[in-house]
All heavy atoms as atom14 arrays in JSON, in Angstrom:
{
  "sequence": "KTNKYSPCNASESLLVARGVAAEFLPQIGAIYAAKGVEMRGCP",
  "atom14_mask": [
    [1, 1, 1, 1, 1, 1, 1, 1, 1, 0, 0, 0, 0, 0],
    [1, 1, 1, 1, 1, 1, 1, 0, 0, 0, 0, 0, 0, 0],
    [1, 1, 1, 1, 1, 1, 1, 1, 0, 0, 0, 0, 0, 0],
    [1, 1, 1, 1, 1, 1, 1, 1, 1, 0, 0, 0, 0, 0],
    [1, 1, 1, 1, 1, 1, 1, 1, 1, 1, 1, 1, 0, 0],
    [1, 1, 1, 1, 1, 1, 0, 0, 0, 0, 0, 0, 0, 0],
    [1, 1, 1, 1, 1, 1, 1, 0, 0, 0, 0, 0, 0, 0],
    [1, 1, 1, 1, 1, 1, 0, 0, 0, 0, 0, 0, 0, 0],
    [1, 1, 1, 1, 1, 1, 1, 1, 0, 0, 0, 0, 0, 0],
    [1, 1, 1, 1, 1, 0, 0, 0, 0, 0, 0, 0, 0, 0],
    [1, 1, 1, 1, 1, 1, 0, 0, 0, 0, 0, 0, 0, 0],
    [1, 1, 1, 1, 1, 1, 1, 1, 1, 0, 0, 0, 0, 0],
    [1, 1, 1, 1, 1, 1, 0, 0, 0, 0, 0, 0, 0, 0],
    [1, 1, 1, 1, 1, 1, 1, 1, 0, 0, 0, 0, 0, 0],
    [1, 1, 1, 1, 1, 1, 1, 1, 0, 0, 0, 0, 0, 0],
    [1, 1, 1, 1, 1, 1, 1, 0, 0, 0, 0, 0, 0, 0],
    [1, 1, 1, 1, 1, 0, 0, 0, 0, 0, 0, 0, 0, 0],
    [1, 1, 1, 1, 1, 1, 1, 1, 1, 1, 1, 0, 0, 0],
    [1, 1, 1, 1, 0, 0, 0, 0, 0, 0, 0, 0, 0, 0],
    [1, 1, 1, 1, 1, 1, 1, 0, 0, 0, 0, 0, 0, 0],
    [1, 1, 1, 1, 1, 0, 0, 0, 0, 0, 0, 0, 0, 0],
    [1, 1, 1, 1, 1, 0, 0, 0, 0, 0, 0, 0, 0, 0],
    [1, 1, 1, 1, 1, 1, 1, 1, 1, 0, 0, 0, 0, 0],
    [1, 1, 1, 1, 1, 1, 1, 1, 1, 1, 1, 0, 0, 0],
    [1, 1, 1, 1, 1, 1, 1, 1, 0, 0, 0, 0, 0, 0],
    [1, 1, 1, 1, 1, 1, 1, 0, 0, 0, 0, 0, 0, 0],
    [1, 1, 1, 1, 1, 1, 1, 1, 1, 0, 0, 0, 0, 0],
    [1, 1, 1, 1, 1, 1, 1, 1, 0, 0, 0, 0, 0, 0],
    [1, 1, 1, 1, 0, 0, 0, 0, 0, 0, 0, 0, 0, 0],
    [1, 1, 1, 1, 1, 0, 0, 0, 0, 0, 0, 0, 0, 0],
    [1, 1, 1, 1, 1, 1, 1, 1, 0, 0, 0, 0, 0, 0],
    [1, 1, 1, 1, 1, 1, 1, 1, 1, 1, 1, 1, 0, 0],
    [1, 1, 1, 1, 1, 0, 0, 0, 0, 0, 0, 0, 0, 0],
    [1, 1, 1, 1, 1, 0, 0, 0, 0, 0, 0, 0, 0, 0],
    [1, 1, 1, 1, 1, 1, 1, 1, 1, 0, 0, 0, 0, 0],
    [1, 1, 1, 1, 0, 0, 0, 0, 0, 0, 0, 0, 0, 0],
    [1, 1, 1, 1, 1, 1, 1, 0, 0, 0, 0, 0, 0, 0],
    [1, 1, 1, 1, 1, 1, 1, 1, 1, 0, 0, 0, 0, 0],
    [1, 1, 1, 1, 1, 1, 1, 1, 0, 0, 0, 0, 0, 0],
    [1, 1, 1, 1, 1, 1, 1, 1, 1, 1, 1, 0, 0, 0],
    [1, 1, 1, 1, 0, 0, 0, 0, 0, 0, 0, 0, 0, 0],
    [1, 1, 1, 1, 1, 1, 0, 0, 0, 0, 0, 0, 0, 0],
    [1, 1, 1, 1, 1, 1, 1, 0, 0, 0, 0, 0, 0, 0]
  ],
  "atom14_positions": [
    [[-116.24, -101.46, -66.55], [-116.29, -99.97, -66.35], [-115.72, -99.56, -65.02], [-114.97, -98.51, -64.91], [-117.81, -99.52, -66.27], [-118.02, -98.03, -65.98], [-117.35, -97.1, -67.07], [-116.96, -95.8, -66.65], [-116.34, -95.04, -67.79], [0.0, 0.0, 0.0], [0.0, 0.0, 0.0], [0.0, 0.0, 0.0], [0.0, 0.0, 0.0], [0.0, 0.0, 0.0]],
    [[-115.84, -100.36, -63.89], [-115.57, -99.85, -62.47], [-114.29, -100.44, -61.84], [-113.82, -100.07, -60.84], [-116.67, -100.1, -61.51], [-116.88, -101.38, -61.23], [-117.95, -99.57, -62.07], [0.0, 0.0, 0.0], [0.0, 0.0, 0.0], [0.0, 0.0, 0.0], [0.0, 0.0, 0.0], [0.0, 0.0, 0.0], [0.0, 0.0, 0.0], [0.0, 0.0, 0.0]],
    [[-113.72, -101.28, -62.61], [-112.48, -101.98, -62.1], [-111.44, -100.8, -61.9], [-110.68, -100.75, -60.84], [-111.92, -103.01, -62.91], [-110.42, -103.53, -62.62], [-109.48, -103.19, -63.26], [-110.48, -104.31, -61.54], [0.0, 0.0, 0.0], [0.0, 0.0, 0.0], [0.0, 0.0, 0.0], [0.0, 0.0, 0.0], [0.0, 0.0, 0.0], [0.0, 0.0, 0.0]],
    [[-111.34, -99.88, -62.88], [-110.58, -98.78, -62.76], [-111.0, -97.81, -63.83], [-111.3, -98.16, -64.93], [-109.1, -99.12, -62.92], [-107.94, -98.19, -62.33], [-106.49, -98.76, -62.27], [-105.64, -97.95, -61.49], [-104.29, -98.39, -61.48], [0.0, 0.0, 0.0], [0.0, 0.0, 0.0], [0.0, 0.0, 0.0], [0.0, 0.0, 0.0], [0.0, 0.0, 0.0]],
    [[-111.13, -96.55, -63.5], [-111.74, -95.51, -64.56], [-110.73, -95.01, -65.42], [-111.11, -94.56, -66.52], [-112.36, -94.49, -63.67], [-113.57, -94.94, -62.87], [-113.67, -94.82, -61.59], [-114.72, -95.59, -63.5], [-114.73, -95.21, -60.71], [-115.84, -96.14, -62.72], [-115.75, -95.94, -61.25], [-116.71, -96.43, -60.44], [0.0, 0.0, 0.0], [0.0, 0.0, 0.0]],
    [[-109.56, -94.91, -64.91], [-108.45, -94.11, -65.8], [-107.87, -94.85, -66.93], [-107.31, -94.07, -67.93], [-107.31, -93.67, -64.87], [-106.72, -94.65, -64.12], [0.0, 0.0, 0.0], [0.0, 0.0, 0.0], [0.0, 0.0, 0.0], [0.0, 0.0, 0.0], [0.0, 0.0, 0.0], [0.0, 0.0, 0.0], [0.0, 0.0, 0.0], [0.0, 0.0, 0.0]],
    [[-107.72, -96.21, -66.96], [-107.15, -96.74, -68.16], [-107.85, -96.66, -69.49], [-109.07, -96.42, -69.44], [-106.98, -98.24, -67.71], [-107.27, -98.3, -66.32], [-108.15, -97.14, -65.95], [0.0, 0.0, 0.0], [0.0, 0.0, 0.0], [0.0, 0.0, 0.0], [0.0, 0.0, 0.0], [0.0, 0.0, 0.0], [0.0, 0.0, 0.0], [0.0, 0.0, 0.0]],
    [[-107.09, -96.8, -70.57], [-107.72, -96.6, -71.86], [-108.61, -97.76, -72.33], [-109.34, -97.7, -73.29], [-106.62, -96.3, -72.95], [-105.4, -97.6, -73.13], [0.0, 0.0, 0.0], [0.0, 0.0, 0.0], [0.0, 0.0, 0.0], [0.0, 0.0, 0.0], [0.0, 0.0, 0.0], [0.0, 0.0, 0.0], [0.0, 0.0, 0.0], [0.0, 0.0, 0.0]],
    [[-108.43, -98.85, -71.54], [-109.23, -100.08, -71.8], [-110.52, -100.21, -71.11], [-111.21, -101.18, -70.96], [-108.28, -101.36, -71.76], [-107.75, -101.65, -70.37], [-108.19, -100.99, -69.38], [-106.79, -102.34, -70.34], [0.0, 0.0, 0.0], [0.0, 0.0, 0.0], [0.0, 0.0, 0.0], [0.0, 0.0, 0.0], [0.0, 0.0, 0.0], [0.0, 0.0, 0.0]],
    [[-110.81, -99.18, -70.19], [-112.08, -99.21, -69.38], [-113.29, -98.96, -70.49], [-113.22, -98.15, -71.33], [-111.97, -98.11, -68.35], [0.0, 0.0, 0.0], [0.0, 0.0, 0.0], [0.0, 0.0, 0.0], [0.0, 0.0, 0.0], [0.0, 0.0, 0.0], [0.0, 0.0, 0.0], [0.0, 0.0, 0.0], [0.0, 0.0, 0.0], [0.0, 0.0, 0.0]],
    [[-114.41, -99.65, -70.33], [-115.41, -99.47, -71.18], [-116.12, -98.06, -70.95], [-116.41, -97.74, -69.71], [-116.56, -100.45, -70.96], [-116.15, -101.59, -71.69], [0.0, 0.0, 0.0], [0.0, 0.0, 0.0], [0.0, 0.0, 0.0], [0.0, 0.0, 0.0], [0.0, 0.0, 0.0], [0.0, 0.0, 0.0], [0.0, 0.0, 0.0], [0.0, 0.0, 0.0]],
    [[-116.36, -97.41, -72.02], [-117.01, -95.97, -71.84], [-118.43, -96.07, -72.37], [-119.18, -95.08, -72.12], [-116.17, -94.99, -72.61], [-114.76, -94.86, -72.22], [-114.39, -94.19, -70.99], [-115.31, -94.27, -70.02], [-113.29, -93.61, -70.78], [0.0, 0.0, 0.0], [0.0, 0.0, 0.0], [0.0, 0.0, 0.0], [0.0, 0.0, 0.0], [0.0, 0.0, 0.0]],
    [[-118.78, -97.08, -73.09], [-120.01, -97.23, -73.79], [-120.61, -98.63, -73.53], [-119.94, -99.69, -73.64], [-119.98, -96.93, -75.21], [-119.61, -95.52, -75.45], [0.0, 0.0, 0.0], [0.0, 0.0, 0.0], [0.0, 0.0, 0.0], [0.0, 0.0, 0.0], [0.0, 0.0, 0.0], [0.0, 0.0, 0.0], [0.0, 0.0, 0.0], [0.0, 0.0, 0.0]],
    [[-121.93, -98.64, -73.17], [-122.68, -99.86, -72.99], [-123.8, -99.93, -73.87], [-124.69, -99.12, -73.89], [-123.15, -99.96, -71.5], [-123.95, -101.22, -70.99], [-123.03, -102.42, -71.03], [-124.55, -100.97, -69.71], [0.0, 0.0, 0.0], [0.0, 0.0, 0.0], [0.0, 0.0, 0.0], [0.0, 0.0, 0.0], [0.0, 0.0, 0.0], [0.0, 0.0, 0.0]],
    [[-123.68, -100.91, -74.76], [-124.87, -101.24, -75.66], [-125.64, -102.41, -75.1], [-124.94, -103.53, -74.84], [-124.23, -101.52, -77.04], [-123.38, -100.34, -77.73], [-122.86, -100.77, -79.07], [-124.13, -99.07, -77.8], [0.0, 0.0, 0.0], [0.0, 0.0, 0.0], [0.0, 0.0, 0.0], [0.0, 0.0, 0.0], [0.0, 0.0, 0.0], [0.0, 0.0, 0.0]],
    [[-126.88, -102.36, -75.22], [-127.81, -103.47, -74.73], [-128.87, -103.87, -75.7], [-129.55, -103.06, -76.27], [-128.45, -103.05, -73.46], [-129.16, -104.29, -72.79], [-127.41, -102.55, -72.44], [0.0, 0.0, 0.0], [0.0, 0.0, 0.0], [0.0, 0.0, 0.0], [0.0, 0.0, 0.0], [0.0, 0.0, 0.0], [0.0, 0.0, 0.0], [0.0, 0.0, 0.0]],
    [[-128.85, -105.14, -76.05], [-129.93, -105.59, -77.06], [-131.27, -105.37, -76.4], [-131.53, -105.72, -75.29], [-129.61, -107.06, -77.42], [0.0, 0.0, 0.0], [0.0, 0.0, 0.0], [0.0, 0.0, 0.0], [0.0, 0.0, 0.0], [0.0, 0.0, 0.0], [0.0, 0.0, 0.0], [0.0, 0.0, 0.0], [0.0, 0.0, 0.0], [0.0, 0.0, 0.0]],
    [[-132.22, -104.95, -77.13], [-133.57, -104.68, -76.74], [-134.21, -105.89, -75.97], [-134.88, -105.58, -74.95], [-134.41, -104.2, -77.81], [-135.78, -103.66, -77.41], [-136.42, -102.98, -78.62], [-135.95, -101.63, -78.71], [-135.23, -101.23, -79.88], [-134.9, -102.09, -80.81], [-134.75, -100.04, -79.97], [0.0, 0.0, 0.0], [0.0, 0.0, 0.0], [0.0, 0.0, 0.0]],
    [[-133.92, -107.02, -76.39], [-134.53, -108.22, -75.99], [-134.14, -108.55, -74.5], [-134.97, -109.22, -73.79], [0.0, 0.0, 0.0], [0.0, 0.0, 0.0], [0.0, 0.0, 0.0], [0.0, 0.0, 0.0], [0.0, 0.0, 0.0], [0.0, 0.0, 0.0], [0.0, 0.0, 0.0], [0.0, 0.0, 0.0], [0.0, 0.0, 0.0], [0.0, 0.0, 0.0]],
    [[-133.04, -108.03, -74.01], [-132.62, -108.35, -72.66], [-132.5, -107.11, -71.74], [-132.17, -107.06, -70.71], [-131.19, -108.98, -72.65], [-131.21, -110.43, -73.34], [-130.16, -108.21, -73.27], [0.0, 0.0, 0.0], [0.0, 0.0, 0.0], [0.0, 0.0, 0.0], [0.0, 0.0, 0.0], [0.0, 0.0, 0.0], [0.0, 0.0, 0.0], [0.0, 0.0, 0.0]],
    [[-132.75, -105.95, -72.3], [-132.56, -104.67, -71.61], [-133.5, -104.55, -70.28], [-132.97, -104.14, -69.28], [-133.01, -103.46, -72.63], [0.0, 0.0, 0.0], [0.0, 0.0, 0.0], [0.0, 0.0, 0.0], [0.0, 0.0, 0.0], [0.0, 0.0, 0.0], [0.0, 0.0, 0.0], [0.0, 0.0, 0.0], [0.0, 0.0, 0.0], [0.0, 0.0, 0.0]],
    [[-134.75, -104.96, -70.47], [-135.59, -104.91, -69.21], [-135.07, -105.74, -67.99], [-135.31, -105.27, -66.79], [-136.98, -105.24, -69.53], [0.0, 0.0, 0.0], [0.0, 0.0, 0.0], [0.0, 0.0, 0.0], [0.0, 0.0, 0.0], [0.0, 0.0, 0.0], [0.0, 0.0, 0.0], [0.0, 0.0, 0.0], [0.0, 0.0, 0.0], [0.0, 0.0, 0.0]],
    [[-134.3, -106.82, -68.33], [-133.85, -107.64, -67.17], [-132.47, -107.17, -66.81], [-132.12, -107.12, -65.65], [-133.77, -109.04, -67.66], [-133.37, -110.04, -66.7], [-133.33, -111.58, -66.99], [-133.57, -111.72, -68.15], [-132.97, -112.33, -66.07], [0.0, 0.0, 0.0], [0.0, 0.0, 0.0], [0.0, 0.0, 0.0], [0.0, 0.0, 0.0], [0.0, 0.0, 0.0]],
    [[-131.63, -106.71, -67.79], [-130.25, -106.54, -67.5], [-130.1, -105.06, -66.96], [-129.18, -104.95, -65.99], [-129.4, -106.67, -68.89], [-128.11, -106.14, -68.74], [-127.02, -106.79, -68.11], [-127.69, -104.8, -69.32], [-125.77, -106.38, -67.96], [-126.4, -104.34, -69.17], [-125.47, -105.06, -68.44], [0.0, 0.0, 0.0], [0.0, 0.0, 0.0], [0.0, 0.0, 0.0]],
    [[-130.65, -104.1, -67.55], [-130.4, -102.57, -67.2], [-130.62, -102.41, -65.66], [-129.82, -101.65, -65.07], [-131.17, -101.73, -68.04], [-130.43, -101.37, -69.46], [-131.25, -100.56, -70.22], [-129.1, -100.78, -69.25], [0.0, 0.0, 0.0], [0.0, 0.0, 0.0], [0.0, 0.0, 0.0], [0.0, 0.0, 0.0], [0.0, 0.0, 0.0], [0.0, 0.0, 0.0]],
    [[-131.76, -102.78, -65.1], [-131.93, -102.47, -63.64], [-130.91, -103.09, -62.72], [-130.47, -102.53, -61.76], [-133.29, -103.16, -63.36], [-134.09, -103.08, -64.65], [-132.83, -103.43, -65.74], [0.0, 0.0, 0.0], [0.0, 0.0, 0.0], [0.0, 0.0, 0.0], [0.0, 0.0, 0.0], [0.0, 0.0, 0.0], [0.0, 0.0, 0.0], [0.0, 0.0, 0.0]],
    [[-130.26, -104.24, -63.15], [-129.26, -104.93, -62.38], [-128.03, -104.19, -62.53], [-127.28, -103.87, -61.49], [-129.08, -106.45, -62.8], [-130.33, -107.23, -62.45], [-130.07, -108.66, -62.88], [-129.08, -109.34, -62.26], [-131.08, -109.25, -63.56], [0.0, 0.0, 0.0], [0.0, 0.0, 0.0], [0.0, 0.0, 0.0], [0.0, 0.0, 0.0], [0.0, 0.0, 0.0]],
    [[-127.48, -103.83, -63.69], [-126.2, -103.09, -63.75], [-126.4, -101.66, -63.37], [-125.42, -101.1, -62.74], [-125.8, -103.23, -65.24], [-124.33, -102.7, -65.43], [-126.56, -102.19, -66.24], [-123.33, -103.51, -64.64], [0.0, 0.0, 0.0], [0.0, 0.0, 0.0], [0.0, 0.0, 0.0], [0.0, 0.0, 0.0], [0.0, 0.0, 0.0], [0.0, 0.0, 0.0]],
    [[-127.57, -101.15, -63.53], [-127.82, -99.79, -63.06], [-127.77, -99.61, -61.6], [-127.18, -98.65, -61.1], [0.0, 0.0, 0.0], [0.0, 0.0, 0.0], [0.0, 0.0, 0.0], [0.0, 0.0, 0.0], [0.0, 0.0, 0.0], [0.0, 0.0, 0.0], [0.0, 0.0, 0.0], [0.0, 0.0, 0.0], [0.0, 0.0, 0.0], [0.0, 0.0, 0.0]],
    [[-128.23, -100.63, -60.89], [-128.14, -100.58, -59.51], [-126.63, -100.64, -58.88], [-126.26, -100.02, -58.02], [-128.87, -101.79, -58.82], [0.0, 0.0, 0.0], [0.0, 0.0, 0.0], [0.0, 0.0, 0.0], [0.0, 0.0, 0.0], [0.0, 0.0, 0.0], [0.0, 0.0, 0.0], [0.0, 0.0, 0.0], [0.0, 0.0, 0.0], [0.0, 0.0, 0.0]],
    [[-125.81, -101.45, -59.62], [-124.41, -101.47, -59.31], [-123.78, -100.16, -59.63], [-122.89, -99.63, -58.84], [-123.76, -102.62, -60.1], [-124.3, -104.01, -59.6], [-122.2, -102.6, -59.96], [-123.83, -105.25, -60.24], [0.0, 0.0, 0.0], [0.0, 0.0, 0.0], [0.0, 0.0, 0.0], [0.0, 0.0, 0.0], [0.0, 0.0, 0.0], [0.0, 0.0, 0.0]],
    [[-124.01, -99.64, -60.73], [-123.34, -98.28, -61.1], [-123.81, -97.31, -60.17], [-123.01, -96.41, -59.79], [-123.69, -97.95, -62.6], [-123.06, -98.83, -63.62], [-123.52, -98.74, -65.12], [-121.85, -99.54, -63.38], [-122.93, -99.42, -66.1], [-121.19, -100.25, -64.34], [-121.74, -100.29, -65.66], [-121.18, -100.9, -66.7], [0.0, 0.0, 0.0], [0.0, 0.0, 0.0]],
    [[-125.11, -97.33, -59.88], [-125.67, -96.26, -58.96], [-125.04, -96.34, -57.59], [-124.54, -95.29, -57.07], [-127.14, -96.58, -58.74], [0.0, 0.0, 0.0], [0.0, 0.0, 0.0], [0.0, 0.0, 0.0], [0.0, 0.0, 0.0], [0.0, 0.0, 0.0], [0.0, 0.0, 0.0], [0.0, 0.0, 0.0], [0.0, 0.0, 0.0], [0.0, 0.0, 0.0]],
    [[-124.6, -97.57, -57.01], [-124.07, -97.78, -55.9], [-122.57, -97.28, -55.8], [-121.96, -96.91, -54.85], [-124.13, -99.23, -55.39], [0.0, 0.0, 0.0], [0.0, 0.0, 0.0], [0.0, 0.0, 0.0], [0.0, 0.0, 0.0], [0.0, 0.0, 0.0], [0.0, 0.0, 0.0], [0.0, 0.0, 0.0], [0.0, 0.0, 0.0], [0.0, 0.0, 0.0]],
    [[-121.92, -97.32, -57.1], [-120.56, -96.92, -57.11], [-120.43, -95.54, -57.65], [-119.19, -94.98, -57.93], [-119.85, -97.94, -58.16], [-119.74, -99.31, -57.54], [-118.98, -100.16, -58.45], [-118.87, -101.66, -57.79], [-118.07, -102.62, -58.62], [0.0, 0.0, 0.0], [0.0, 0.0, 0.0], [0.0, 0.0, 0.0], [0.0, 0.0, 0.0], [0.0, 0.0, 0.0]],
    [[-121.43, -94.71, -57.74], [-121.53, -93.36, -58.16], [-121.14, -93.11, -59.61], [-120.57, -92.0, -60.14], [0.0, 0.0, 0.0], [0.0, 0.0, 0.0], [0.0, 0.0, 0.0], [0.0, 0.0, 0.0], [0.0, 0.0, 0.0], [0.0, 0.0, 0.0], [0.0, 0.0, 0.0], [0.0, 0.0, 0.0], [0.0, 0.0, 0.0], [0.0, 0.0, 0.0]],
    [[-121.52, -94.14, -60.41], [-121.26, -93.98, -61.99], [-122.53, -93.35, -62.56], [-123.63, -93.82, -62.57], [-121.04, -95.4, -62.57], [-120.89, -95.17, -64.2], [-119.8, -96.02, -62.07], [0.0, 0.0, 0.0], [0.0, 0.0, 0.0], [0.0, 0.0, 0.0], [0.0, 0.0, 0.0], [0.0, 0.0, 0.0], [0.0, 0.0, 0.0], [0.0, 0.0, 0.0]],
    [[-122.19, -92.25, -63.24], [-123.36, -91.48, -63.99], [-123.57, -92.18, -65.3], [-122.64, -92.65, -66.0], [-122.88, -90.02, -64.27], [-124.06, -89.37, -65.02], [-123.53, -87.8, -65.4], [-122.5, -87.35, -64.92], [-124.02, -87.4, -66.36], [0.0, 0.0, 0.0], [0.0, 0.0, 0.0], [0.0, 0.0, 0.0], [0.0, 0.0, 0.0], [0.0, 0.0, 0.0]],
    [[-124.88, -92.48, -65.57], [-125.36, -92.99, -66.79], [-125.96, -92.05, -67.81], [-126.93, -91.48, -67.38], [-126.17, -94.3, -66.43], [-125.56, -95.47, -65.73], [-126.72, -96.52, -65.02], [-127.08, -95.73, -63.38], [0.0, 0.0, 0.0], [0.0, 0.0, 0.0], [0.0, 0.0, 0.0], [0.0, 0.0, 0.0], [0.0, 0.0, 0.0], [0.0, 0.0, 0.0]],
    [[-125.39, -91.78, -68.77], [-125.81, -91.03, -69.87], [-126.5, -91.83, -71.04], [-125.75, -92.47, -71.76], [-124.79, -90.16, -70.45], [-124.15, -89.24, -69.46], [-123.06, -88.28, -69.98], [-122.49, -87.5, -68.82], [-121.49, -86.64, -69.05], [-120.93, -86.41, -70.32], [-121.05, -85.96, -68.08], [0.0, 0.0, 0.0], [0.0, 0.0, 0.0], [0.0, 0.0, 0.0]],
    [[-127.89, -91.92, -71.0], [-128.5, -92.91, -71.77], [-129.28, -92.35, -72.94], [-129.7, -91.09, -72.9], [0.0, 0.0, 0.0], [0.0, 0.0, 0.0], [0.0, 0.0, 0.0], [0.0, 0.0, 0.0], [0.0, 0.0, 0.0], [0.0, 0.0, 0.0], [0.0, 0.0, 0.0], [0.0, 0.0, 0.0], [0.0, 0.0, 0.0], [0.0, 0.0, 0.0]],
    [[-129.68, -93.16, -73.87], [-130.72, -92.9, -74.73], [-132.12, -92.86, -74.12], [-132.33, -93.49, -73.06], [-130.79, -93.87, -75.93], [-131.2, -95.58, -75.39], [0.0, 0.0, 0.0], [0.0, 0.0, 0.0], [0.0, 0.0, 0.0], [0.0, 0.0, 0.0], [0.0, 0.0, 0.0], [0.0, 0.0, 0.0], [0.0, 0.0, 0.0], [0.0, 0.0, 0.0]],
    [[-133.1, -92.26, -74.74], [-134.49, -92.2, -74.03], [-135.04, -93.59, -73.71], [-135.53, -93.72, -72.5], [-135.39, -91.57, -75.1], [-134.44, -90.64, -76.0], [-133.13, -91.43, -75.93], [0.0, 0.0, 0.0], [0.0, 0.0, 0.0], [0.0, 0.0, 0.0], [0.0, 0.0, 0.0], [0.0, 0.0, 0.0], [0.0, 0.0, 0.0], [0.0, 0.0, 0.0]]
  ]
}
């Protein structure tokens, strides 16, 4: 996502398996937050 925002090969969607979401999302969320990335998520 954050290496570069403008190329067509940058990831625009993040899918996370329910079994790892509680561990993974806070970690990637903190990185995205620090870099100013808005997260538009499901409930």
